[in-house]
N, C-alpha and C. Protein backbone atom coordinates (compact mmCIF):
# COMPACT_ATOMS: atom_id res chain seq x y z
N UNK A 1 0.83 -1.20 0.00
CA UNK A 1 0.00 0.00 0.00
C UNK A 1 0.87 1.25 0.00
N UNK A 2 1.93 1.26 0.79
CA UNK A 2 2.81 2.43 0.84
C UNK A 2 3.42 2.69 -0.52
N UNK A 3 3.87 1.61 -1.22
CA UNK A 3 4.47 1.77 -2.55
C UNK A 3 3.45 2.32 -3.53
N UNK A 4 2.21 1.84 -3.40
CA UNK A 4 1.13 2.32 -4.26
C UNK A 4 0.92 3.81 -4.08
N UNK A 5 0.86 4.26 -2.84
CA UNK A 5 0.63 5.67 -2.56
C UNK A 5 1.79 6.52 -3.04
N UNK A 6 3.00 6.01 -2.92
CA UNK A 6 4.16 6.76 -3.40
C UNK A 6 4.12 6.92 -4.91
N UNK A 7 3.73 5.85 -5.63
CA UNK A 7 3.64 5.92 -7.09
C UNK A 7 2.58 6.92 -7.51
N UNK A 8 1.41 6.85 -6.89
CA UNK A 8 0.32 7.76 -7.24
C UNK A 8 0.71 9.20 -6.91
N UNK A 9 1.33 9.38 -5.76
CA UNK A 9 1.74 10.72 -5.37
C UNK A 9 2.73 11.32 -6.34
N UNK A 10 3.68 10.52 -6.77
CA UNK A 10 4.69 11.01 -7.71
C UNK A 10 4.09 11.27 -9.07
N UNK A 11 3.12 10.46 -9.41
CA UNK A 11 2.54 10.51 -10.74
C UNK A 11 1.68 11.74 -10.93
N UNK A 12 0.70 11.91 -10.04
CA UNK A 12 -0.26 12.99 -10.27
C UNK A 12 0.40 14.31 -9.99
N UNK A 13 1.51 14.22 -10.12
CA UNK A 13 1.37 14.20 -8.87
C UNK A 13 2.71 14.44 -8.37
N UNK A 14 3.95 14.09 -8.69
CA UNK A 14 5.15 14.69 -8.18
C UNK A 14 6.04 15.13 -9.27
N UNK A 15 7.10 15.75 -9.03
CA UNK A 15 7.80 16.43 -10.09
C UNK A 15 8.58 15.53 -11.02
N UNK A 16 8.91 14.34 -10.72
CA UNK A 16 9.72 13.65 -11.72
C UNK A 16 9.73 12.14 -11.56
N UNK A 17 8.81 11.52 -12.12
CA UNK A 17 8.75 10.06 -12.23
C UNK A 17 7.65 9.78 -13.20
N UNK A 18 7.28 9.03 -13.58
CA UNK A 18 6.04 8.67 -14.20
C UNK A 18 5.93 8.77 -15.63
N UNK A 19 5.60 8.48 -18.93
CA UNK A 19 4.62 7.78 -19.66
C UNK A 19 5.28 7.22 -20.85
N UNK A 20 5.98 6.24 -20.48
CA UNK A 20 6.36 5.47 -21.64
C UNK A 20 5.11 4.80 -22.14
N UNK A 21 4.19 4.59 -21.22
CA UNK A 21 3.02 3.82 -21.55
C UNK A 21 1.86 4.64 -22.03
N UNK A 22 0.68 4.05 -21.91
CA UNK A 22 -0.51 4.65 -22.49
C UNK A 22 -1.48 5.08 -21.41
N UNK A 23 -2.32 6.05 -21.77
CA UNK A 23 -3.38 6.53 -20.89
C UNK A 23 -4.72 6.23 -21.55
N UNK A 24 -5.60 5.54 -20.85
CA UNK A 24 -6.89 5.21 -21.47
C UNK A 24 -7.98 5.19 -20.41
N UNK A 25 -9.19 5.53 -20.84
CA UNK A 25 -10.35 5.44 -19.97
C UNK A 25 -10.98 4.07 -20.15
N UNK A 26 -11.17 3.37 -19.04
CA UNK A 26 -11.74 2.02 -19.10
C UNK A 26 -13.24 2.04 -18.84
N UNK A 27 -13.76 3.19 -18.45
CA UNK A 27 -15.20 3.29 -18.24
C UNK A 27 -15.60 4.73 -17.95
N UNK A 28 -16.78 5.11 -18.43
CA UNK A 28 -17.31 6.45 -18.15
C UNK A 28 -18.79 6.33 -17.82
N UNK A 29 -19.31 7.38 -17.15
CA UNK A 29 -20.73 7.41 -16.77
C UNK A 29 -21.21 8.84 -16.83
N UNK A 30 -22.42 9.04 -17.34
CA UNK A 30 -23.03 10.36 -17.39
C UNK A 30 -24.37 10.31 -16.68
N UNK A 31 -24.59 11.27 -15.80
CA UNK A 31 -25.82 11.31 -15.02
C UNK A 31 -27.04 11.47 -15.95
N UNK A 32 -27.92 10.47 -15.99
CA UNK A 32 -29.07 10.52 -16.91
C UNK A 32 -30.17 11.48 -16.43
N UNK A 33 -30.06 11.94 -15.18
CA UNK A 33 -31.12 12.76 -14.60
C UNK A 33 -30.79 14.25 -14.56
N UNK A 34 -29.61 14.61 -15.09
CA UNK A 34 -29.15 15.98 -14.96
C UNK A 34 -29.52 16.85 -16.15
N UNK A 35 -29.89 16.23 -17.29
CA UNK A 35 -30.19 17.00 -18.49
C UNK A 35 -28.90 17.39 -19.20
N UNK A 36 -29.01 18.31 -20.13
CA UNK A 36 -27.85 18.74 -20.90
C UNK A 36 -27.14 19.88 -20.18
N UNK A 37 -25.88 19.66 -19.86
CA UNK A 37 -25.08 20.70 -19.22
C UNK A 37 -23.80 20.87 -20.00
N UNK A 38 -23.59 22.09 -20.48
CA UNK A 38 -22.34 22.42 -21.17
C UNK A 38 -21.47 23.18 -20.18
N UNK A 39 -20.44 22.51 -19.64
CA UNK A 39 -19.63 23.17 -18.62
C UNK A 39 -18.78 24.28 -19.22
N UNK A 40 -18.77 24.37 -20.56
CA UNK A 40 -18.06 25.47 -21.19
C UNK A 40 -18.69 26.81 -20.81
N UNK A 41 -19.96 26.78 -20.44
CA UNK A 41 -20.66 28.01 -20.09
C UNK A 41 -20.55 28.32 -18.60
N UNK A 42 -19.86 27.49 -17.85
CA UNK A 42 -19.72 27.71 -16.42
C UNK A 42 -18.30 28.13 -16.06
N UNK A 43 -18.15 28.60 -14.86
CA UNK A 43 -16.80 28.87 -14.35
C UNK A 43 -16.38 27.64 -13.55
N UNK A 44 -15.36 26.98 -14.04
CA UNK A 44 -14.97 25.68 -13.50
C UNK A 44 -13.61 25.77 -12.80
N UNK A 45 -13.47 25.03 -11.73
CA UNK A 45 -12.18 24.91 -11.04
C UNK A 45 -11.71 23.47 -11.13
N UNK A 46 -10.41 23.27 -11.34
CA UNK A 46 -9.84 21.93 -11.39
C UNK A 46 -9.18 21.62 -10.06
N UNK A 47 -9.39 20.41 -9.56
CA UNK A 47 -8.81 20.00 -8.28
C UNK A 47 -8.11 18.66 -8.42
N UNK A 48 -6.90 18.59 -7.95
CA UNK A 48 -6.15 17.34 -7.85
C UNK A 48 -6.01 17.04 -6.37
N UNK A 49 -6.59 15.95 -5.92
CA UNK A 49 -6.61 15.66 -4.49
C UNK A 49 -5.27 15.09 -4.04
N UNK A 50 -4.41 15.98 -3.60
CA UNK A 50 -3.10 15.61 -3.09
C UNK A 50 -2.74 16.59 -1.97
N UNK A 51 -2.28 16.10 -0.83
CA UNK A 51 -2.01 16.99 0.31
C UNK A 51 -0.80 17.91 0.11
N UNK A 52 0.07 17.58 -0.85
CA UNK A 52 1.24 18.42 -1.11
C UNK A 52 0.83 19.59 -1.99
N UNK A 53 0.85 20.80 -1.44
CA UNK A 53 0.38 21.97 -2.17
C UNK A 53 1.19 22.23 -3.44
N UNK A 54 2.52 22.04 -3.37
CA UNK A 54 3.36 22.26 -4.53
C UNK A 54 3.02 21.32 -5.67
N UNK A 55 2.81 20.06 -5.34
CA UNK A 55 2.44 19.06 -6.35
C UNK A 55 1.06 19.38 -6.92
N UNK A 56 0.14 19.69 -6.04
CA UNK A 56 -1.23 19.97 -6.46
C UNK A 56 -1.28 21.14 -7.46
N UNK A 57 -0.53 22.18 -7.20
CA UNK A 57 -0.58 23.39 -8.03
C UNK A 57 -0.25 23.09 -9.50
N UNK A 58 0.85 22.39 -9.73
CA UNK A 58 1.26 22.11 -11.10
C UNK A 58 0.27 21.28 -11.86
N UNK A 59 -0.27 20.25 -11.23
CA UNK A 59 -1.20 19.36 -11.91
C UNK A 59 -2.54 20.05 -12.18
N UNK A 60 -2.98 20.88 -11.24
CA UNK A 60 -4.23 21.60 -11.46
C UNK A 60 -4.08 22.61 -12.60
N UNK A 61 -2.92 23.24 -12.69
CA UNK A 61 -2.67 24.18 -13.79
C UNK A 61 -2.69 23.46 -15.14
N UNK A 62 -2.09 22.27 -15.18
CA UNK A 62 -2.06 21.49 -16.43
C UNK A 62 -3.47 21.18 -16.91
N UNK A 63 -4.31 20.69 -16.00
CA UNK A 63 -5.68 20.35 -16.36
C UNK A 63 -6.47 21.60 -16.75
N UNK A 64 -6.31 22.68 -15.99
CA UNK A 64 -7.03 23.92 -16.29
C UNK A 64 -6.63 24.47 -17.65
N UNK A 65 -5.35 24.39 -17.97
CA UNK A 65 -4.86 24.87 -19.27
C UNK A 65 -5.48 24.08 -20.41
N UNK A 66 -5.53 22.76 -20.27
CA UNK A 66 -6.12 21.92 -21.31
C UNK A 66 -7.59 22.26 -21.52
N UNK A 67 -8.29 22.54 -20.45
CA UNK A 67 -9.72 22.85 -20.58
C UNK A 67 -9.94 24.25 -21.14
N UNK A 68 -9.08 25.20 -20.77
CA UNK A 68 -9.21 26.55 -21.33
C UNK A 68 -8.97 26.54 -22.83
N UNK A 69 -8.05 25.67 -23.27
CA UNK A 69 -7.77 25.57 -24.70
C UNK A 69 -8.97 25.03 -25.47
N UNK A 70 -9.92 24.45 -24.74
CA UNK A 70 -11.14 23.92 -25.35
C UNK A 70 -12.33 24.83 -25.07
N UNK A 71 -12.05 26.08 -24.74
CA UNK A 71 -13.10 27.09 -24.63
C UNK A 71 -13.83 27.17 -23.32
N UNK A 72 -13.25 26.60 -22.26
CA UNK A 72 -13.92 26.62 -20.96
C UNK A 72 -13.28 27.65 -20.03
N UNK A 73 -14.11 28.36 -19.30
CA UNK A 73 -13.63 29.32 -18.31
C UNK A 73 -13.18 28.53 -17.08
N UNK A 74 -11.91 28.16 -17.07
CA UNK A 74 -11.41 27.25 -16.04
C UNK A 74 -10.22 27.84 -15.31
N UNK A 75 -10.20 27.66 -14.00
CA UNK A 75 -9.07 28.09 -13.18
C UNK A 75 -8.55 26.90 -12.39
N UNK A 76 -7.26 26.95 -12.06
CA UNK A 76 -6.69 25.92 -11.20
C UNK A 76 -7.24 26.10 -9.79
N UNK A 77 -7.64 25.01 -9.19
CA UNK A 77 -8.30 25.08 -7.89
C UNK A 77 -7.53 25.82 -6.81
N UNK A 78 -6.21 25.66 -6.80
CA UNK A 78 -5.42 26.29 -5.74
C UNK A 78 -5.50 27.81 -5.77
N UNK A 79 -5.85 28.39 -6.93
CA UNK A 79 -5.92 29.85 -7.04
C UNK A 79 -7.16 30.42 -6.36
N UNK A 80 -8.15 29.57 -6.12
CA UNK A 80 -9.36 30.04 -5.44
C UNK A 80 -9.57 29.36 -4.10
N UNK A 81 -8.84 28.28 -3.85
CA UNK A 81 -8.99 27.56 -2.58
C UNK A 81 -7.62 27.12 -2.08
N UNK A 82 -7.04 27.86 -1.13
CA UNK A 82 -5.73 27.48 -0.58
C UNK A 82 -5.77 26.09 0.06
N UNK A 83 -4.65 25.40 -0.05
CA UNK A 83 -4.57 24.03 0.46
C UNK A 83 -5.02 23.84 1.89
N UNK A 84 -4.61 24.71 2.82
CA UNK A 84 -5.01 24.51 4.22
C UNK A 84 -6.52 24.52 4.45
N UNK A 85 -7.27 25.08 3.49
CA UNK A 85 -8.72 25.14 3.66
C UNK A 85 -9.45 24.00 2.96
N UNK A 86 -8.71 23.20 2.20
CA UNK A 86 -9.35 22.17 1.38
C UNK A 86 -10.16 21.17 2.21
N UNK A 87 -9.72 20.87 3.42
CA UNK A 87 -10.41 19.87 4.23
C UNK A 87 -11.47 20.49 5.15
N UNK A 88 -11.62 21.81 5.08
CA UNK A 88 -12.66 22.49 5.87
C UNK A 88 -13.83 22.77 4.93
N UNK A 89 -14.84 21.95 4.98
CA UNK A 89 -15.93 22.02 4.01
C UNK A 89 -16.62 23.37 3.99
N UNK A 90 -16.92 23.94 5.14
CA UNK A 90 -17.64 25.21 5.19
C UNK A 90 -16.81 26.35 4.61
N UNK A 91 -15.53 26.38 4.94
CA UNK A 91 -14.66 27.42 4.38
C UNK A 91 -14.47 27.22 2.88
N UNK A 92 -14.36 25.96 2.47
CA UNK A 92 -14.21 25.68 1.03
C UNK A 92 -15.44 26.17 0.28
N UNK A 93 -16.63 25.92 0.82
CA UNK A 93 -17.86 26.40 0.19
C UNK A 93 -17.84 27.91 0.03
N UNK A 94 -17.43 28.60 1.11
CA UNK A 94 -17.43 30.06 1.10
C UNK A 94 -16.44 30.60 0.06
N UNK A 95 -15.26 30.00 -0.02
CA UNK A 95 -14.25 30.47 -0.96
C UNK A 95 -14.68 30.24 -2.41
N UNK A 96 -15.25 29.08 -2.69
CA UNK A 96 -15.68 28.79 -4.06
C UNK A 96 -16.86 29.67 -4.47
N UNK A 97 -17.75 29.91 -3.54
CA UNK A 97 -18.89 30.78 -3.83
C UNK A 97 -18.41 32.21 -4.10
N UNK A 98 -17.48 32.68 -3.29
CA UNK A 98 -16.94 34.03 -3.47
C UNK A 98 -16.24 34.17 -4.82
N UNK A 99 -15.60 33.10 -5.28
CA UNK A 99 -14.88 33.12 -6.56
C UNK A 99 -15.82 32.89 -7.74
N UNK A 100 -17.08 32.60 -7.47
CA UNK A 100 -18.06 32.38 -8.54
C UNK A 100 -17.90 31.05 -9.24
N UNK A 101 -17.32 30.07 -8.58
CA UNK A 101 -17.12 28.74 -9.17
C UNK A 101 -18.43 27.97 -9.14
N UNK A 102 -18.88 27.51 -10.31
CA UNK A 102 -20.14 26.77 -10.39
C UNK A 102 -19.95 25.30 -10.79
N UNK A 103 -18.74 24.96 -11.24
CA UNK A 103 -18.46 23.57 -11.63
C UNK A 103 -17.06 23.18 -11.20
N UNK A 104 -16.82 21.88 -11.13
CA UNK A 104 -15.50 21.40 -10.71
C UNK A 104 -15.14 20.11 -11.41
N UNK A 105 -13.85 19.96 -11.71
CA UNK A 105 -13.31 18.71 -12.22
C UNK A 105 -12.29 18.22 -11.20
N UNK A 106 -12.48 17.01 -10.73
CA UNK A 106 -11.62 16.44 -9.68
C UNK A 106 -10.88 15.23 -10.23
N UNK A 107 -9.57 15.15 -9.94
CA UNK A 107 -8.78 13.96 -10.26
C UNK A 107 -8.20 13.42 -8.96
N UNK A 108 -8.33 12.12 -8.77
CA UNK A 108 -7.80 11.48 -7.56
C UNK A 108 -7.22 10.12 -7.91
N UNK A 109 -5.99 9.87 -7.48
CA UNK A 109 -5.39 8.56 -7.66
C UNK A 109 -6.04 7.56 -6.73
N UNK A 110 -6.38 6.37 -7.25
CA UNK A 110 -7.13 5.41 -6.44
C UNK A 110 -6.45 4.05 -6.28
N UNK A 111 -5.40 3.78 -7.06
CA UNK A 111 -4.77 2.47 -6.89
C UNK A 111 -3.69 2.16 -7.91
N UNK A 112 -2.99 1.07 -7.66
CA UNK A 112 -1.93 0.61 -8.56
C UNK A 112 -1.86 -0.91 -8.52
N UNK A 113 -1.56 -1.51 -9.69
CA UNK A 113 -1.41 -2.96 -9.71
C UNK A 113 -0.32 -3.34 -10.72
N UNK A 114 0.18 -4.55 -10.58
CA UNK A 114 1.17 -5.09 -11.51
C UNK A 114 0.52 -6.20 -12.34
N UNK A 115 0.71 -6.17 -13.65
CA UNK A 115 0.24 -7.25 -14.52
C UNK A 115 1.44 -7.95 -15.12
N UNK A 116 1.57 -9.24 -14.84
CA UNK A 116 2.72 -10.03 -15.31
C UNK A 116 2.33 -10.81 -16.55
N UNK A 117 3.22 -10.85 -17.53
CA UNK A 117 2.95 -11.61 -18.75
C UNK A 117 4.23 -12.30 -19.23
N UNK A 118 4.04 -13.37 -19.98
CA UNK A 118 5.16 -14.18 -20.46
C UNK A 118 5.45 -13.88 -21.92
N UNK A 119 6.70 -13.60 -22.22
CA UNK A 119 7.15 -13.42 -23.60
C UNK A 119 7.75 -14.75 -24.06
N UNK A 120 7.13 -15.45 -25.02
CA UNK A 120 7.57 -16.80 -25.39
C UNK A 120 8.93 -16.81 -26.08
N UNK A 121 9.55 -17.99 -26.05
CA UNK A 121 10.83 -18.15 -26.73
C UNK A 121 10.63 -18.03 -28.25
N UNK A 122 11.70 -17.75 -28.95
CA UNK A 122 11.63 -17.52 -30.39
C UNK A 122 11.98 -18.79 -31.17
N UNK A 123 11.03 -19.29 -31.94
CA UNK A 123 11.32 -20.39 -32.85
C UNK A 123 10.36 -20.29 -34.03
N UNK A 124 10.73 -20.91 -35.15
CA UNK A 124 10.02 -20.67 -36.40
C UNK A 124 9.77 -21.98 -37.16
N UNK A 125 8.67 -21.99 -37.87
CA UNK A 125 8.38 -23.15 -38.73
C UNK A 125 8.80 -22.90 -40.17
N UNK A 126 9.01 -21.65 -40.52
CA UNK A 126 9.47 -21.29 -41.87
C UNK A 126 10.45 -20.15 -41.76
N UNK A 127 11.39 -20.03 -42.69
CA UNK A 127 11.58 -20.90 -43.86
C UNK A 127 12.62 -21.99 -43.62
N UNK A 128 13.10 -22.17 -42.38
CA UNK A 128 14.25 -23.04 -42.15
C UNK A 128 13.88 -24.48 -41.82
N UNK A 129 12.73 -24.73 -41.23
CA UNK A 129 12.41 -26.05 -40.75
C UNK A 129 12.09 -27.09 -41.83
N UNK A 130 11.52 -26.74 -42.96
CA UNK A 130 11.06 -27.76 -43.92
C UNK A 130 12.15 -28.67 -44.48
N UNK A 131 13.39 -28.18 -44.66
CA UNK A 131 14.44 -29.03 -45.25
C UNK A 131 15.59 -29.20 -44.28
N UNK A 132 16.27 -30.37 -44.42
CA UNK A 132 17.40 -30.69 -43.55
C UNK A 132 18.51 -29.67 -43.67
N UNK A 133 18.96 -29.39 -44.89
CA UNK A 133 20.10 -28.50 -45.08
C UNK A 133 19.74 -27.03 -44.79
N UNK A 134 18.49 -26.72 -45.05
CA UNK A 134 18.07 -25.36 -44.70
C UNK A 134 18.14 -25.14 -43.19
N UNK A 135 17.66 -26.15 -42.42
CA UNK A 135 17.72 -26.03 -40.97
C UNK A 135 19.15 -26.16 -40.45
N UNK A 136 19.94 -27.00 -41.15
CA UNK A 136 21.34 -27.22 -40.75
C UNK A 136 22.09 -25.89 -40.67
N UNK A 137 22.06 -25.12 -41.72
CA UNK A 137 22.74 -23.83 -41.73
C UNK A 137 22.17 -22.86 -40.69
N UNK A 138 20.85 -22.84 -40.60
CA UNK A 138 20.19 -21.95 -39.64
C UNK A 138 20.53 -22.35 -38.21
N UNK A 139 20.47 -23.66 -37.95
CA UNK A 139 20.70 -24.14 -36.59
C UNK A 139 22.08 -23.82 -36.05
N UNK A 140 23.10 -23.85 -36.92
CA UNK A 140 24.46 -23.57 -36.48
C UNK A 140 24.73 -22.06 -36.32
N UNK A 141 23.93 -21.26 -36.99
CA UNK A 141 24.21 -19.83 -36.96
C UNK A 141 23.32 -19.04 -36.00
N UNK A 142 22.15 -19.59 -35.69
CA UNK A 142 21.19 -18.83 -34.87
C UNK A 142 21.47 -19.03 -33.39
N UNK A 143 21.12 -18.02 -32.61
CA UNK A 143 21.24 -18.09 -31.15
C UNK A 143 19.85 -18.20 -30.55
N UNK A 144 19.68 -19.16 -29.67
CA UNK A 144 18.38 -19.37 -29.04
C UNK A 144 18.05 -18.20 -28.11
N UNK A 145 16.82 -17.70 -28.23
CA UNK A 145 16.36 -16.62 -27.37
C UNK A 145 15.28 -17.18 -26.44
N UNK A 146 15.61 -17.43 -25.17
CA UNK A 146 14.65 -18.05 -24.26
C UNK A 146 13.51 -17.10 -23.91
N UNK A 147 12.39 -17.69 -23.47
CA UNK A 147 11.27 -16.87 -23.04
C UNK A 147 11.58 -16.20 -21.71
N UNK A 148 10.82 -15.20 -21.37
CA UNK A 148 11.05 -14.49 -20.12
C UNK A 148 9.75 -13.82 -19.67
N UNK A 149 9.77 -13.39 -18.42
CA UNK A 149 8.58 -12.79 -17.81
C UNK A 149 8.80 -11.29 -17.64
N UNK A 150 7.79 -10.51 -18.01
CA UNK A 150 7.84 -9.06 -17.79
C UNK A 150 6.56 -8.63 -17.08
N UNK A 151 6.54 -7.38 -16.63
CA UNK A 151 5.34 -6.89 -15.95
C UNK A 151 5.06 -5.45 -16.34
N UNK A 152 3.81 -5.08 -16.29
CA UNK A 152 3.37 -3.71 -16.51
C UNK A 152 2.88 -3.13 -15.19
N UNK A 153 3.20 -1.87 -14.96
CA UNK A 153 2.66 -1.14 -13.81
C UNK A 153 1.47 -0.32 -14.30
N UNK A 154 0.32 -0.52 -13.69
CA UNK A 154 -0.89 0.18 -14.10
C UNK A 154 -1.43 0.98 -12.92
N UNK A 155 -1.54 2.30 -13.11
CA UNK A 155 -2.02 3.19 -12.06
C UNK A 155 -3.40 3.71 -12.46
N UNK A 156 -4.33 3.72 -11.51
CA UNK A 156 -5.72 4.09 -11.79
C UNK A 156 -6.10 5.43 -11.16
N UNK A 157 -6.96 6.16 -11.88
CA UNK A 157 -7.43 7.45 -11.40
C UNK A 157 -8.93 7.59 -11.63
N UNK A 158 -9.57 8.33 -10.74
CA UNK A 158 -10.94 8.77 -10.95
C UNK A 158 -10.90 10.19 -11.50
N UNK A 159 -11.72 10.47 -12.52
CA UNK A 159 -11.91 11.83 -13.03
C UNK A 159 -13.40 12.13 -12.90
N UNK A 160 -13.74 13.15 -12.12
CA UNK A 160 -15.13 13.44 -11.79
C UNK A 160 -15.49 14.88 -12.13
N UNK A 161 -16.67 15.08 -12.71
CA UNK A 161 -17.15 16.42 -13.04
C UNK A 161 -18.42 16.68 -12.22
N UNK A 162 -18.39 17.76 -11.45
CA UNK A 162 -19.52 18.10 -10.59
C UNK A 162 -20.12 19.46 -10.95
N UNK A 163 -21.42 19.56 -10.75
CA UNK A 163 -22.08 20.86 -10.73
C UNK A 163 -22.12 21.29 -9.27
N UNK A 164 -21.39 22.34 -8.94
CA UNK A 164 -21.39 22.81 -7.56
C UNK A 164 -22.72 23.47 -7.23
N UNK A 165 -23.32 24.15 -8.21
CA UNK A 165 -24.62 24.79 -8.00
C UNK A 165 -25.66 23.76 -7.58
N UNK A 166 -25.66 22.60 -8.26
CA UNK A 166 -26.66 21.56 -7.98
C UNK A 166 -26.15 20.54 -6.97
N UNK A 167 -24.86 20.66 -6.60
CA UNK A 167 -24.22 19.70 -5.69
C UNK A 167 -24.43 18.27 -6.20
N UNK A 168 -24.16 18.09 -7.51
CA UNK A 168 -24.47 16.82 -8.17
C UNK A 168 -23.34 16.37 -9.09
N UNK A 169 -23.08 15.07 -9.08
CA UNK A 169 -22.12 14.48 -10.01
C UNK A 169 -22.74 14.47 -11.41
N UNK A 170 -22.03 15.07 -12.38
CA UNK A 170 -22.51 15.13 -13.76
C UNK A 170 -21.95 13.98 -14.59
N UNK A 171 -20.65 13.74 -14.40
CA UNK A 171 -19.95 12.77 -15.25
C UNK A 171 -18.80 12.15 -14.46
N UNK A 172 -18.52 10.88 -14.73
CA UNK A 172 -17.41 10.21 -14.05
C UNK A 172 -16.65 9.33 -15.03
N UNK A 173 -15.36 9.24 -14.86
CA UNK A 173 -14.53 8.37 -15.68
C UNK A 173 -13.47 7.68 -14.85
N UNK A 174 -13.16 6.45 -15.21
CA UNK A 174 -12.08 5.70 -14.57
C UNK A 174 -10.96 5.54 -15.59
N UNK A 175 -9.78 6.03 -15.25
CA UNK A 175 -8.66 6.08 -16.19
C UNK A 175 -7.51 5.21 -15.68
N UNK A 176 -6.81 4.57 -16.62
CA UNK A 176 -5.62 3.77 -16.27
C UNK A 176 -4.42 4.24 -17.08
N UNK A 177 -3.29 4.33 -16.43
CA UNK A 177 -2.04 4.70 -17.08
C UNK A 177 -1.07 3.54 -16.94
N UNK A 178 -0.53 3.07 -18.06
CA UNK A 178 0.36 1.91 -18.08
C UNK A 178 1.82 2.35 -18.16
N UNK A 179 2.64 1.81 -17.29
CA UNK A 179 4.08 2.06 -17.25
C UNK A 179 4.43 3.55 -17.29
N UNK A 180 3.96 4.30 -16.29
CA UNK A 180 4.26 5.74 -16.27
C UNK A 180 5.74 5.99 -16.06
N UNK A 181 6.29 6.99 -16.78
CA UNK A 181 7.71 7.29 -16.66
C UNK A 181 8.00 8.78 -16.49
N UNK A 182 7.29 9.64 -17.22
CA UNK A 182 7.55 11.08 -17.16
C UNK A 182 6.30 11.77 -16.63
N UNK A 183 6.38 12.31 -15.43
CA UNK A 183 5.19 12.83 -14.78
C UNK A 183 4.54 13.98 -15.52
N UNK A 184 5.33 14.84 -16.15
CA UNK A 184 4.75 15.99 -16.86
C UNK A 184 3.95 15.52 -18.08
N UNK A 185 4.52 14.55 -18.80
CA UNK A 185 3.81 14.00 -19.96
C UNK A 185 2.55 13.28 -19.52
N UNK A 186 2.64 12.57 -18.40
CA UNK A 186 1.49 11.84 -17.89
C UNK A 186 0.37 12.81 -17.52
N UNK A 187 0.71 13.87 -16.80
CA UNK A 187 -0.30 14.84 -16.38
C UNK A 187 -0.97 15.48 -17.59
N UNK A 188 -0.17 15.81 -18.61
CA UNK A 188 -0.72 16.44 -19.81
C UNK A 188 -1.60 15.46 -20.57
N UNK A 189 -1.13 14.21 -20.70
CA UNK A 189 -1.90 13.21 -21.43
C UNK A 189 -3.20 12.89 -20.70
N UNK A 190 -3.13 12.81 -19.38
CA UNK A 190 -4.34 12.55 -18.61
C UNK A 190 -5.35 13.68 -18.79
N UNK A 191 -4.86 14.92 -18.78
CA UNK A 191 -5.74 16.08 -18.98
C UNK A 191 -6.34 16.06 -20.38
N UNK A 192 -5.53 15.73 -21.38
CA UNK A 192 -6.02 15.69 -22.76
C UNK A 192 -7.10 14.62 -22.93
N UNK A 193 -6.83 13.43 -22.39
CA UNK A 193 -7.80 12.34 -22.52
C UNK A 193 -9.09 12.64 -21.77
N UNK A 194 -8.96 13.27 -20.60
CA UNK A 194 -10.14 13.63 -19.82
C UNK A 194 -10.99 14.64 -20.59
N UNK A 195 -10.34 15.63 -21.17
CA UNK A 195 -11.06 16.64 -21.96
C UNK A 195 -11.75 16.01 -23.16
N UNK A 196 -11.07 15.05 -23.80
CA UNK A 196 -11.65 14.37 -24.96
C UNK A 196 -12.92 13.60 -24.57
N UNK A 197 -12.86 12.91 -23.43
CA UNK A 197 -14.02 12.16 -22.96
C UNK A 197 -15.17 13.08 -22.58
N UNK A 198 -14.85 14.22 -21.98
CA UNK A 198 -15.89 15.18 -21.61
C UNK A 198 -16.54 15.78 -22.86
N UNK A 199 -15.72 15.97 -23.90
CA UNK A 199 -16.26 16.51 -25.15
C UNK A 199 -17.22 15.49 -25.78
N UNK A 200 -16.85 14.21 -25.73
CA UNK A 200 -17.73 13.16 -26.26
C UNK A 200 -19.07 13.13 -25.53
N UNK A 201 -18.99 13.42 -24.23
CA UNK A 201 -20.21 13.38 -23.40
C UNK A 201 -21.04 14.64 -23.56
N UNK A 202 -20.55 15.61 -24.35
CA UNK A 202 -21.29 16.83 -24.57
C UNK A 202 -21.09 17.89 -23.51
N UNK A 203 -20.09 17.68 -22.64
CA UNK A 203 -19.84 18.64 -21.58
C UNK A 203 -18.94 19.78 -22.02
N UNK A 204 -18.20 19.56 -23.10
CA UNK A 204 -17.33 20.59 -23.67
C UNK A 204 -17.69 20.79 -25.12
N UNK A 205 -17.48 22.00 -25.60
CA UNK A 205 -17.76 22.30 -27.00
C UNK A 205 -16.78 21.56 -27.89
N UNK A 206 -17.23 21.11 -29.04
CA UNK A 206 -16.36 20.44 -29.99
C UNK A 206 -15.61 21.47 -30.81
């Protein structure tokens, strides 16, 4: 668990670790009872749930920038809600109301797992196997490559869109990042993919 939290913290999350791999959404949900809401018309704040204020600031800016580029009036959450107040619900309400924030996008790391897979040994049925002399030359010159085991590191995140005015979840997505390596690229890719999914759901202008 400690290793998992360290990975998530560094990823979302810290200044230097974490995307040789891919970022993908494995599931999304849209509230069927909320009607059509275009968050492009709202003032939205982005929040990355991490207790480290320095880490939080950079990631929230990345997400806010991606959304602004898609025509949304978006600010990084830390600019309207200082970290020390984040866990005080009443003060957080007052600060967001004063800033005129009506919508929010939240990202939170939720877990990590390892997936192990086997890479088989290398052998061929063509073109060397069919004839004796063909295989003879190949057999003396080729080097056997044995099979081996490798693993992928997969980190999971929740991406949530709320209407603060209605105090209601509008849209939710579960995202997985495979073999994270560069945290800045990961944060940008996660923001891009989240914005793409929100656009598909009709929450952002195309």
